């Protein structure tokens, strides 16, 4: 796909203008749109009849790996508990159409468990050039727990448990697990004095 410029030339220690010819091999002149080996035979003859023949092979090959475009950010944030569908990637190659480029995806995302998961996309063209791109998927919990409390009624001088009667619900954590993390921030209960 690049531009080919033949920079081969001739010079002589005496003749300022030796003859110079180029003969193409079986594949003809270099065509950078077709992968092949192109043979050029260069012949140079000076005014005294001295002759030099040089054969050069030009190899036109594909050494550029396909491009993988994530179509998302490198890191994707996903709410826990919701079904996850991996966003499709796009693949572009400098030489082959997509029927000659394979794409393999590895890595799974568990949308029901918090954590960071990695999806790997590997594209390989028919020349064997490969590109690997990764996408990190962070399964996160952004929903706060909900709490409800019933009124507690106790007799004077009886100890009370401020957590008693609390109902805590969450989209991810169990009530039992959440109750372990409850902190009493403020209270004005005096069990020796009747009141509310």
N, C-alpha and C. Protein backbone atom coordinates (compact mmCIF):
# COMPACT_ATOMS: atom_id res chain seq x y z
N UNK A 1 0.79 -1.22 0.00
CA UNK A 1 0.00 0.00 0.00
C UNK A 1 0.83 1.27 0.00
N UNK A 2 2.12 1.16 0.24
CA UNK A 2 2.96 2.37 0.25
C UNK A 2 3.41 2.69 -1.18
N UNK A 3 4.04 3.84 -1.35
CA UNK A 3 4.54 4.25 -2.67
C UNK A 3 5.94 3.68 -2.85
N UNK A 4 6.17 3.00 -3.98
CA UNK A 4 7.49 2.45 -4.28
C UNK A 4 8.24 3.42 -5.19
N UNK A 5 9.47 3.78 -4.76
CA UNK A 5 10.34 4.63 -5.58
C UNK A 5 11.66 3.87 -5.74
N UNK A 6 11.97 3.54 -6.95
CA UNK A 6 13.22 2.82 -7.23
C UNK A 6 14.37 3.82 -7.18
N UNK A 7 15.24 3.65 -6.21
CA UNK A 7 16.35 4.59 -6.03
C UNK A 7 17.67 4.02 -6.54
N UNK A 8 17.60 2.97 -7.33
CA UNK A 8 18.81 2.38 -7.89
C UNK A 8 19.30 3.23 -9.05
N UNK A 9 20.59 3.51 -9.06
CA UNK A 9 21.17 4.28 -10.18
C UNK A 9 22.57 3.76 -10.47
N UNK A 10 23.26 4.35 -11.41
CA UNK A 10 24.58 3.89 -11.82
C UNK A 10 25.56 5.06 -11.84
N UNK A 11 26.80 4.71 -11.66
CA UNK A 11 27.86 5.73 -11.79
C UNK A 11 29.12 5.03 -12.28
N UNK A 12 30.06 5.80 -12.81
CA UNK A 12 31.28 5.23 -13.36
C UNK A 12 32.43 6.16 -13.02
N UNK A 13 33.65 5.58 -12.90
CA UNK A 13 34.81 6.41 -12.54
C UNK A 13 35.29 7.29 -13.69
N UNK A 14 34.84 6.97 -14.93
CA UNK A 14 35.31 7.75 -16.07
C UNK A 14 34.16 8.32 -16.89
N UNK A 15 33.20 7.46 -17.17
CA UNK A 15 32.08 7.85 -18.02
C UNK A 15 31.01 8.53 -17.16
N UNK A 16 30.72 9.79 -17.47
CA UNK A 16 29.73 10.54 -16.69
C UNK A 16 28.30 10.09 -16.97
N UNK A 17 28.09 9.38 -18.07
CA UNK A 17 26.72 9.03 -18.45
C UNK A 17 26.67 7.60 -19.00
N UNK A 18 26.95 6.57 -18.12
CA UNK A 18 26.87 5.20 -18.62
C UNK A 18 25.42 4.83 -18.91
N UNK A 19 25.22 3.89 -19.84
CA UNK A 19 23.84 3.46 -20.13
C UNK A 19 23.33 2.63 -18.95
N UNK A 20 22.03 2.69 -18.77
CA UNK A 20 21.44 2.02 -17.59
C UNK A 20 20.07 1.50 -17.99
N UNK A 21 19.85 0.21 -17.87
CA UNK A 21 18.55 -0.37 -18.21
C UNK A 21 18.04 -1.21 -17.05
N UNK A 22 16.72 -1.33 -17.00
CA UNK A 22 16.07 -2.15 -15.98
C UNK A 22 15.15 -3.13 -16.67
N UNK A 23 15.26 -4.41 -16.29
CA UNK A 23 14.37 -5.44 -16.84
C UNK A 23 13.61 -6.05 -15.66
N UNK A 24 12.29 -6.13 -15.78
CA UNK A 24 11.45 -6.69 -14.72
C UNK A 24 11.35 -8.20 -14.87
N UNK A 25 11.21 -8.88 -13.74
CA UNK A 25 11.03 -10.33 -13.74
C UNK A 25 9.59 -10.71 -14.06
N UNK A 26 9.22 -11.97 -13.74
CA UNK A 26 7.91 -12.52 -14.09
C UNK A 26 6.75 -11.73 -13.51
N UNK A 27 6.91 -11.18 -12.33
CA UNK A 27 5.81 -10.47 -11.69
C UNK A 27 5.69 -9.02 -12.15
N UNK A 28 6.59 -8.60 -13.03
CA UNK A 28 6.52 -7.25 -13.56
C UNK A 28 7.07 -6.22 -12.58
N UNK A 29 6.65 -4.97 -12.80
CA UNK A 29 7.11 -3.88 -11.94
C UNK A 29 6.45 -4.01 -10.57
N UNK A 30 7.11 -3.43 -9.57
CA UNK A 30 6.59 -3.51 -8.20
C UNK A 30 5.19 -2.92 -8.13
N UNK A 31 4.28 -3.72 -7.62
CA UNK A 31 2.90 -3.28 -7.37
C UNK A 31 2.67 -3.40 -5.87
N UNK A 32 2.66 -2.29 -5.18
CA UNK A 32 2.56 -2.34 -3.72
C UNK A 32 1.17 -2.72 -3.23
N UNK A 33 0.25 -2.96 -4.15
CA UNK A 33 -1.08 -3.43 -3.77
C UNK A 33 -1.19 -4.94 -3.78
N UNK A 34 -0.13 -5.63 -4.24
CA UNK A 34 -0.17 -7.09 -4.33
C UNK A 34 1.07 -7.66 -3.64
N UNK A 35 0.84 -8.56 -2.68
CA UNK A 35 1.96 -9.22 -1.99
C UNK A 35 2.67 -10.15 -2.97
N UNK A 36 3.94 -9.92 -3.18
CA UNK A 36 4.73 -10.77 -4.09
C UNK A 36 6.20 -10.36 -4.00
N UNK A 37 7.04 -11.17 -4.66
CA UNK A 37 8.46 -10.83 -4.82
C UNK A 37 8.66 -10.34 -6.26
N UNK A 38 9.26 -9.18 -6.39
CA UNK A 38 9.46 -8.58 -7.70
C UNK A 38 10.97 -8.53 -7.98
N UNK A 39 11.35 -9.15 -9.10
CA UNK A 39 12.78 -9.20 -9.46
C UNK A 39 13.09 -8.12 -10.50
N UNK A 40 14.12 -7.35 -10.20
CA UNK A 40 14.60 -6.33 -11.14
C UNK A 40 16.04 -6.68 -11.51
N UNK A 41 16.33 -6.64 -12.81
CA UNK A 41 17.70 -6.83 -13.27
C UNK A 41 18.19 -5.51 -13.86
N UNK A 42 19.22 -4.97 -13.25
CA UNK A 42 19.79 -3.69 -13.68
C UNK A 42 21.07 -3.96 -14.46
N UNK A 43 21.21 -3.32 -15.62
CA UNK A 43 22.42 -3.46 -16.43
C UNK A 43 22.97 -2.07 -16.73
N UNK A 44 24.26 -1.94 -16.49
CA UNK A 44 24.92 -0.66 -16.76
C UNK A 44 26.16 -0.91 -17.62
N UNK A 45 26.31 -0.11 -18.70
CA UNK A 45 27.47 -0.26 -19.61
C UNK A 45 28.07 1.13 -19.81
N UNK A 46 29.40 1.21 -19.55
CA UNK A 46 30.04 2.50 -19.76
C UNK A 46 30.53 2.63 -21.19
N UNK A 47 31.10 3.77 -21.55
CA UNK A 47 31.54 4.04 -22.93
C UNK A 47 32.64 3.12 -23.39
N UNK A 48 33.34 2.47 -22.47
CA UNK A 48 34.43 1.55 -22.84
C UNK A 48 33.91 0.12 -23.00
N UNK A 49 32.61 -0.08 -22.80
CA UNK A 49 32.04 -1.42 -22.95
C UNK A 49 32.05 -2.25 -21.69
N UNK A 50 32.50 -1.68 -20.58
CA UNK A 50 32.47 -2.41 -19.31
C UNK A 50 31.01 -2.53 -18.85
N UNK A 51 30.67 -3.73 -18.39
CA UNK A 51 29.27 -4.02 -18.09
C UNK A 51 29.12 -4.54 -16.66
N UNK A 52 28.09 -4.07 -15.99
CA UNK A 52 27.73 -4.58 -14.65
C UNK A 52 26.27 -4.95 -14.66
N UNK A 53 25.97 -6.14 -14.10
CA UNK A 53 24.59 -6.60 -13.98
C UNK A 53 24.31 -6.86 -12.50
N UNK A 54 23.24 -6.28 -12.02
CA UNK A 54 22.83 -6.47 -10.61
C UNK A 54 21.37 -6.91 -10.60
N UNK A 55 21.10 -7.96 -9.81
CA UNK A 55 19.73 -8.44 -9.64
C UNK A 55 19.29 -8.12 -8.22
N UNK A 56 18.13 -7.48 -8.12
CA UNK A 56 17.57 -7.15 -6.80
C UNK A 56 16.15 -7.69 -6.71
N UNK A 57 15.81 -8.21 -5.54
CA UNK A 57 14.45 -8.67 -5.29
C UNK A 57 13.77 -7.71 -4.31
N UNK A 58 12.61 -7.26 -4.68
CA UNK A 58 11.81 -6.41 -3.81
C UNK A 58 10.64 -7.24 -3.29
N UNK A 59 10.53 -7.30 -1.99
CA UNK A 59 9.47 -8.08 -1.36
C UNK A 59 8.38 -7.13 -0.91
N UNK A 60 7.18 -7.29 -1.46
CA UNK A 60 6.03 -6.52 -1.01
C UNK A 60 5.24 -7.42 -0.07
N UNK A 61 5.17 -7.04 1.17
CA UNK A 61 4.53 -7.90 2.17
C UNK A 61 3.69 -7.06 3.12
N UNK A 62 2.86 -7.74 3.86
CA UNK A 62 2.01 -7.09 4.86
C UNK A 62 2.61 -7.35 6.23
N UNK A 63 3.14 -6.31 6.84
CA UNK A 63 3.73 -6.44 8.18
C UNK A 63 2.98 -5.58 9.19
N UNK A 64 1.84 -5.05 8.77
CA UNK A 64 1.07 -4.18 9.66
C UNK A 64 -0.08 -4.98 10.26
N UNK A 65 -0.15 -4.97 11.57
CA UNK A 65 -1.19 -5.71 12.28
C UNK A 65 -2.54 -5.02 12.13
N UNK A 66 -3.62 -5.78 12.22
CA UNK A 66 -4.95 -5.15 12.17
C UNK A 66 -5.15 -4.22 13.35
N UNK A 67 -6.07 -3.31 13.19
CA UNK A 67 -6.42 -2.37 14.27
C UNK A 67 -7.70 -2.84 14.93
N UNK A 68 -7.71 -2.85 16.26
CA UNK A 68 -8.92 -3.19 17.01
C UNK A 68 -9.40 -1.95 17.73
N UNK A 69 -10.65 -1.57 17.48
CA UNK A 69 -11.24 -0.38 18.11
C UNK A 69 -12.29 -0.86 19.09
N UNK A 70 -12.13 -0.49 20.36
CA UNK A 70 -13.02 -0.99 21.41
C UNK A 70 -14.46 -0.48 21.28
N UNK A 71 -14.65 0.71 20.75
CA UNK A 71 -15.97 1.36 20.67
C UNK A 71 -16.53 1.68 22.06
N UNK A 72 -15.69 1.61 23.06
CA UNK A 72 -16.03 2.01 24.43
C UNK A 72 -14.77 2.62 25.03
N UNK A 73 -14.88 3.08 26.25
CA UNK A 73 -13.68 3.50 26.97
C UNK A 73 -12.84 2.26 27.30
N UNK A 74 -11.58 2.47 27.65
CA UNK A 74 -10.71 1.35 28.02
C UNK A 74 -11.22 0.66 29.28
N UNK A 75 -11.84 1.44 30.18
CA UNK A 75 -12.45 0.90 31.40
C UNK A 75 -13.93 1.23 31.38
N UNK A 76 -14.75 0.19 31.55
CA UNK A 76 -16.20 0.33 31.54
C UNK A 76 -16.72 0.03 32.94
N UNK A 77 -17.66 0.84 33.42
CA UNK A 77 -18.26 0.63 34.74
C UNK A 77 -19.67 0.08 34.55
N UNK A 78 -19.95 -1.01 35.27
CA UNK A 78 -21.23 -1.70 35.09
C UNK A 78 -21.89 -1.91 36.45
N UNK A 79 -23.19 -1.61 36.58
CA UNK A 79 -23.87 -1.79 37.87
C UNK A 79 -24.07 -3.27 38.19
N UNK A 80 -23.72 -3.64 39.41
CA UNK A 80 -23.86 -5.03 39.84
C UNK A 80 -25.33 -5.44 39.79
N UNK A 81 -25.55 -6.69 39.40
CA UNK A 81 -26.90 -7.23 39.39
C UNK A 81 -27.63 -7.05 38.08
N UNK A 82 -27.06 -6.30 37.15
CA UNK A 82 -27.70 -6.12 35.84
C UNK A 82 -26.99 -6.97 34.80
N UNK A 83 -27.74 -7.48 33.85
CA UNK A 83 -27.17 -8.32 32.79
C UNK A 83 -26.11 -7.52 32.03
N UNK A 84 -24.97 -8.15 31.79
CA UNK A 84 -23.89 -7.49 31.06
C UNK A 84 -23.80 -8.05 29.65
N UNK A 85 -23.74 -7.16 28.67
CA UNK A 85 -23.51 -7.55 27.28
C UNK A 85 -22.26 -6.83 26.80
N UNK A 86 -21.30 -7.60 26.35
CA UNK A 86 -20.04 -7.04 25.88
C UNK A 86 -20.27 -6.22 24.62
N UNK A 87 -19.77 -4.99 24.60
CA UNK A 87 -19.89 -4.14 23.41
C UNK A 87 -19.00 -4.69 22.29
N UNK A 88 -19.55 -4.71 21.09
CA UNK A 88 -18.78 -5.19 19.94
C UNK A 88 -17.60 -4.27 19.65
N UNK A 89 -16.51 -4.86 19.19
CA UNK A 89 -15.36 -4.08 18.76
C UNK A 89 -15.36 -4.01 17.23
N UNK A 90 -14.59 -3.07 16.69
CA UNK A 90 -14.41 -2.96 15.24
C UNK A 90 -12.98 -3.34 14.89
N UNK A 91 -12.81 -3.96 13.74
CA UNK A 91 -11.48 -4.36 13.28
C UNK A 91 -11.26 -3.78 11.89
N UNK A 92 -10.07 -3.21 11.69
CA UNK A 92 -9.69 -2.64 10.39
C UNK A 92 -8.31 -3.19 10.05
N UNK A 93 -8.13 -3.59 8.80
CA UNK A 93 -6.82 -4.05 8.37
C UNK A 93 -6.38 -3.26 7.13
N UNK A 94 -5.09 -3.05 7.01
CA UNK A 94 -4.56 -2.25 5.91
C UNK A 94 -4.60 -2.98 4.57
N UNK A 95 -4.72 -4.32 4.60
CA UNK A 95 -4.62 -5.07 3.35
C UNK A 95 -5.80 -6.01 3.13
N UNK A 96 -6.20 -6.74 4.16
CA UNK A 96 -7.23 -7.77 4.00
C UNK A 96 -8.62 -7.23 4.31
N UNK A 97 -9.62 -7.86 3.68
CA UNK A 97 -10.98 -7.57 4.10
C UNK A 97 -11.23 -8.42 5.36
N UNK A 98 -12.34 -8.18 6.03
CA UNK A 98 -12.57 -8.80 7.33
C UNK A 98 -12.79 -10.31 7.24
N UNK A 99 -13.04 -10.85 6.05
CA UNK A 99 -13.17 -12.30 5.94
C UNK A 99 -11.82 -12.99 6.13
N UNK A 100 -10.74 -12.24 6.02
CA UNK A 100 -9.39 -12.79 6.21
C UNK A 100 -8.75 -12.32 7.50
N UNK A 101 -9.56 -11.84 8.42
CA UNK A 101 -9.07 -11.41 9.73
C UNK A 101 -9.90 -12.12 10.79
N UNK A 102 -9.22 -12.85 11.67
CA UNK A 102 -9.95 -13.54 12.74
C UNK A 102 -9.94 -12.67 14.00
N UNK A 103 -11.01 -12.79 14.77
CA UNK A 103 -11.12 -12.05 16.03
C UNK A 103 -11.52 -13.03 17.12
N UNK A 104 -10.71 -13.10 18.17
CA UNK A 104 -10.98 -14.00 19.29
C UNK A 104 -11.13 -13.17 20.56
N UNK A 105 -12.23 -13.39 21.27
CA UNK A 105 -12.47 -12.70 22.54
C UNK A 105 -12.33 -13.69 23.68
N UNK A 106 -11.59 -13.31 24.71
CA UNK A 106 -11.48 -14.13 25.92
C UNK A 106 -11.78 -13.25 27.12
N UNK A 107 -12.17 -13.92 28.20
CA UNK A 107 -12.48 -13.20 29.43
C UNK A 107 -13.98 -13.05 29.60
N UNK A 108 -14.46 -13.38 30.78
CA UNK A 108 -15.88 -13.29 31.08
C UNK A 108 -16.12 -12.30 32.21
N UNK A 109 -17.30 -11.71 32.20
CA UNK A 109 -17.69 -10.76 33.24
C UNK A 109 -18.83 -11.38 34.02
N UNK A 110 -18.68 -11.45 35.35
CA UNK A 110 -19.76 -11.90 36.23
C UNK A 110 -20.46 -10.65 36.75
N UNK A 111 -21.59 -10.27 36.17
CA UNK A 111 -22.24 -9.03 36.57
C UNK A 111 -22.92 -9.09 37.93
N UNK A 112 -22.87 -10.26 38.56
CA UNK A 112 -23.52 -10.42 39.86
C UNK A 112 -22.51 -10.46 41.01
N UNK A 113 -21.22 -10.26 40.68
CA UNK A 113 -20.17 -10.25 41.69
C UNK A 113 -19.28 -9.03 41.48
N UNK A 114 -19.09 -8.24 42.54
CA UNK A 114 -18.24 -7.06 42.43
C UNK A 114 -16.82 -7.44 42.06
N UNK A 115 -16.17 -6.60 41.27
CA UNK A 115 -14.78 -6.86 40.90
C UNK A 115 -14.45 -6.24 39.57
N UNK A 116 -13.19 -6.38 39.18
CA UNK A 116 -12.72 -5.90 37.89
C UNK A 116 -12.42 -7.10 37.01
N UNK A 117 -13.00 -7.13 35.84
CA UNK A 117 -12.85 -8.23 34.90
C UNK A 117 -12.19 -7.69 33.63
N UNK A 118 -11.43 -8.54 32.95
CA UNK A 118 -10.74 -8.10 31.74
C UNK A 118 -11.22 -8.92 30.55
N UNK A 119 -11.65 -8.21 29.51
CA UNK A 119 -11.98 -8.83 28.23
C UNK A 119 -10.80 -8.58 27.29
N UNK A 120 -10.35 -9.62 26.61
CA UNK A 120 -9.21 -9.50 25.69
C UNK A 120 -9.68 -9.82 24.29
N UNK A 121 -9.33 -8.95 23.35
CA UNK A 121 -9.69 -9.12 21.95
C UNK A 121 -8.40 -9.24 21.13
N UNK A 122 -8.27 -10.35 20.41
CA UNK A 122 -7.06 -10.59 19.61
C UNK A 122 -7.46 -10.74 18.15
N UNK A 123 -6.93 -9.85 17.31
CA UNK A 123 -7.20 -9.89 15.87
C UNK A 123 -5.94 -10.36 15.15
N UNK A 124 -6.12 -11.30 14.20
CA UNK A 124 -5.00 -11.83 13.43
C UNK A 124 -5.38 -11.81 11.96
N UNK A 125 -4.52 -11.19 11.14
CA UNK A 125 -4.81 -11.19 9.70
C UNK A 125 -4.16 -12.40 9.02
N UNK A 126 -4.44 -12.58 7.74
CA UNK A 126 -3.96 -13.76 7.02
C UNK A 126 -2.45 -13.79 6.86
N UNK A 127 -1.77 -12.68 7.13
CA UNK A 127 -0.31 -12.66 7.10
C UNK A 127 0.29 -13.06 8.44
N UNK A 128 -0.59 -13.26 9.44
CA UNK A 128 -0.11 -13.64 10.78
C UNK A 128 0.17 -12.47 11.70
N UNK A 129 -0.12 -11.25 11.25
CA UNK A 129 0.06 -10.08 12.11
C UNK A 129 -1.06 -10.04 13.14
N UNK A 130 -0.71 -9.80 14.40
CA UNK A 130 -1.73 -9.81 15.45
C UNK A 130 -1.71 -8.53 16.27
N UNK A 131 -2.88 -8.21 16.79
CA UNK A 131 -3.05 -7.10 17.72
C UNK A 131 -3.92 -7.60 18.86
N UNK A 132 -3.53 -7.24 20.07
CA UNK A 132 -4.32 -7.61 21.24
C UNK A 132 -4.70 -6.34 21.99
N UNK A 133 -5.99 -6.20 22.30
CA UNK A 133 -6.51 -5.05 23.02
C UNK A 133 -7.35 -5.55 24.17
N UNK A 134 -7.28 -4.87 25.31
CA UNK A 134 -8.06 -5.29 26.47
C UNK A 134 -9.03 -4.20 26.90
N UNK A 135 -10.12 -4.65 27.48
CA UNK A 135 -11.12 -3.74 28.08
C UNK A 135 -11.35 -4.23 29.51
N UNK A 136 -11.23 -3.32 30.46
CA UNK A 136 -11.52 -3.65 31.86
C UNK A 136 -12.97 -3.29 32.15
N UNK A 137 -13.67 -4.22 32.79
CA UNK A 137 -15.06 -3.99 33.18
C UNK A 137 -15.12 -4.04 34.70
N UNK A 138 -15.47 -2.91 35.27
CA UNK A 138 -15.57 -2.82 36.72
C UNK A 138 -17.04 -2.98 37.09
N UNK A 139 -17.35 -4.09 37.77
CA UNK A 139 -18.70 -4.30 38.27
C UNK A 139 -18.76 -3.65 39.64
N UNK A 140 -19.60 -2.62 39.75
CA UNK A 140 -19.61 -1.81 40.97
C UNK A 140 -21.01 -1.68 41.55
N UNK A 141 -21.02 -1.35 42.83
CA UNK A 141 -22.27 -1.14 43.55
C UNK A 141 -22.37 0.35 43.88
N UNK A 142 -23.31 1.02 43.22
CA UNK A 142 -23.48 2.47 43.44
C UNK A 142 -24.80 2.79 44.13
N UNK A 143 -25.53 1.75 44.57
CA UNK A 143 -26.84 1.97 45.18
C UNK A 143 -26.71 1.81 46.69
N UNK A 144 -27.11 2.84 47.41
CA UNK A 144 -27.02 2.82 48.88
C UNK A 144 -28.08 1.89 49.46
N UNK A 145 -27.78 1.27 50.62
CA UNK A 145 -28.79 0.44 51.28
C UNK A 145 -29.95 1.30 51.79
N UNK A 146 -31.08 0.66 51.95
CA UNK A 146 -32.27 1.34 52.50
C UNK A 146 -32.51 0.81 53.90
N UNK A 147 -32.89 1.71 54.81
CA UNK A 147 -33.12 1.30 56.20
C UNK A 147 -34.49 1.73 56.69
N UNK A 148 -35.12 0.88 57.47
CA UNK A 148 -36.41 1.16 58.10
C UNK A 148 -36.29 0.75 59.56
N UNK A 149 -37.00 1.47 60.40
CA UNK A 149 -36.94 1.14 61.83
C UNK A 149 -38.32 1.25 62.45
N UNK A 150 -38.61 0.31 63.33
CA UNK A 150 -39.86 0.36 64.11
C UNK A 150 -39.55 1.03 65.44
N UNK A 151 -40.59 1.63 66.01
CA UNK A 151 -40.41 2.24 67.34
C UNK A 151 -40.13 1.16 68.37
N UNK A 152 -39.21 1.46 69.28
CA UNK A 152 -38.90 0.54 70.38
C UNK A 152 -39.60 1.03 71.64
N UNK A 153 -40.23 0.13 72.35
CA UNK A 153 -40.85 0.47 73.63
C UNK A 153 -40.20 -0.39 74.69
N UNK A 154 -39.71 0.26 75.75
CA UNK A 154 -38.99 -0.46 76.79
C UNK A 154 -39.38 0.10 78.15
N UNK A 155 -39.24 -0.72 79.14
CA UNK A 155 -39.50 -0.27 80.51
C UNK A 155 -38.27 0.45 81.05
N UNK A 156 -38.53 1.36 82.00
CA UNK A 156 -37.43 2.07 82.64
C UNK A 156 -36.47 1.05 83.23
N UNK A 157 -35.22 1.37 83.15
CA UNK A 157 -34.10 0.60 83.68
C UNK A 157 -33.76 -0.64 82.86
N UNK A 158 -34.50 -0.94 81.79
CA UNK A 158 -34.14 -2.08 80.92
C UNK A 158 -33.19 -1.58 79.83
N UNK A 159 -32.13 -2.33 79.62
CA UNK A 159 -31.20 -2.00 78.53
C UNK A 159 -31.92 -2.15 77.19
N UNK A 160 -31.53 -1.32 76.23
CA UNK A 160 -32.11 -1.45 74.90
C UNK A 160 -31.00 -1.71 73.88
N UNK A 161 -31.40 -2.36 72.81
CA UNK A 161 -30.48 -2.59 71.71
C UNK A 161 -30.93 -1.68 70.57
N UNK A 162 -30.18 -0.62 70.26
CA UNK A 162 -30.63 0.34 69.25
C UNK A 162 -30.80 -0.28 67.86
N UNK A 163 -30.18 -1.43 67.61
CA UNK A 163 -30.27 -2.07 66.30
C UNK A 163 -31.54 -2.91 66.19
N UNK A 164 -32.13 -3.22 67.33
CA UNK A 164 -33.33 -4.07 67.33
C UNK A 164 -34.43 -3.40 66.50
N UNK A 165 -35.05 -4.19 65.65
CA UNK A 165 -36.15 -3.68 64.84
C UNK A 165 -35.72 -2.98 63.56
N UNK A 166 -34.42 -2.85 63.34
CA UNK A 166 -33.96 -2.24 62.08
C UNK A 166 -34.11 -3.23 60.94
N UNK A 167 -34.60 -2.76 59.82
CA UNK A 167 -34.67 -3.58 58.61
C UNK A 167 -33.84 -2.87 57.54
N UNK A 168 -32.78 -3.56 57.11
CA UNK A 168 -31.86 -2.99 56.12
C UNK A 168 -31.94 -3.85 54.86
N UNK A 169 -32.16 -3.21 53.72
CA UNK A 169 -32.18 -3.93 52.45
C UNK A 169 -31.17 -3.28 51.50
N UNK A 170 -30.68 -4.09 50.58
CA UNK A 170 -29.68 -3.60 49.63
C UNK A 170 -29.78 -4.39 48.34
N UNK A 171 -29.31 -3.78 47.27
CA UNK A 171 -29.34 -4.45 45.97
C UNK A 171 -28.29 -5.55 45.86
N UNK A 172 -27.29 -5.56 46.78
CA UNK A 172 -26.20 -6.52 46.65
C UNK A 172 -25.93 -7.28 47.94
N UNK A 173 -25.80 -6.55 49.04
CA UNK A 173 -25.44 -7.19 50.31
C UNK A 173 -26.68 -7.69 51.04
N UNK A 174 -26.49 -8.78 51.79
CA UNK A 174 -27.60 -9.33 52.57
C UNK A 174 -27.82 -8.48 53.82
N UNK A 175 -29.03 -8.57 54.37
CA UNK A 175 -29.35 -7.82 55.60
C UNK A 175 -28.42 -8.22 56.74
N UNK A 176 -28.12 -9.51 56.86
CA UNK A 176 -27.24 -9.99 57.93
C UNK A 176 -25.87 -9.35 57.82
N UNK A 177 -25.36 -9.28 56.60
CA UNK A 177 -24.03 -8.67 56.40
C UNK A 177 -24.06 -7.19 56.70
N UNK A 178 -25.13 -6.52 56.31
CA UNK A 178 -25.22 -5.08 56.53
C UNK A 178 -25.35 -4.74 58.02
N UNK A 179 -26.07 -5.57 58.76
CA UNK A 179 -26.26 -5.29 60.19
C UNK A 179 -24.93 -5.28 60.93
N UNK A 180 -23.94 -6.04 60.44
CA UNK A 180 -22.62 -6.06 61.08
C UNK A 180 -21.91 -4.71 60.94
N UNK A 181 -22.32 -3.93 59.96
CA UNK A 181 -21.62 -2.67 59.67
C UNK A 181 -22.37 -1.44 60.16
N UNK A 182 -23.43 -1.64 60.90
CA UNK A 182 -24.18 -0.49 61.40
C UNK A 182 -23.41 0.14 62.56
N UNK A 183 -23.30 1.46 62.51
CA UNK A 183 -22.65 2.20 63.60
C UNK A 183 -23.68 3.16 64.18
N UNK A 184 -23.75 3.18 65.49
CA UNK A 184 -24.63 4.13 66.17
C UNK A 184 -23.91 5.47 66.22
N UNK A 185 -24.47 6.46 65.54
CA UNK A 185 -23.82 7.76 65.44
C UNK A 185 -24.26 8.67 66.59
N UNK A 186 -25.51 8.61 66.96
CA UNK A 186 -26.02 9.53 67.97
C UNK A 186 -27.27 8.93 68.60
N UNK A 187 -27.42 9.12 69.89
CA UNK A 187 -28.65 8.70 70.57
C UNK A 187 -28.75 9.48 71.89
N UNK A 188 -29.98 9.69 72.36
CA UNK A 188 -30.18 10.44 73.60
C UNK A 188 -31.05 9.66 74.58
N UNK A 189 -30.97 8.32 74.51
CA UNK A 189 -31.80 7.49 75.37
C UNK A 189 -31.20 7.43 76.77
N UNK A 190 -32.03 7.73 77.76
CA UNK A 190 -31.63 7.58 79.17
C UNK A 190 -32.60 6.57 79.76
N UNK A 191 -32.11 5.34 80.00
CA UNK A 191 -33.02 4.28 80.46
C UNK A 191 -33.52 4.50 81.89
N UNK A 192 -33.02 5.53 82.59
CA UNK A 192 -33.43 5.78 83.96
C UNK A 192 -34.54 6.83 84.03
N UNK A 193 -34.84 7.44 82.89
CA UNK A 193 -35.86 8.48 82.89
C UNK A 193 -36.89 8.16 81.80
N UNK A 194 -38.18 8.18 82.19
CA UNK A 194 -39.23 7.94 81.20
C UNK A 194 -39.25 9.05 80.18
N UNK A 195 -39.49 8.70 78.92
CA UNK A 195 -39.55 9.72 77.89
C UNK A 195 -39.47 9.12 76.51
N UNK A 196 -39.38 9.98 75.56
CA UNK A 196 -39.32 9.54 74.17
C UNK A 196 -38.05 10.06 73.53
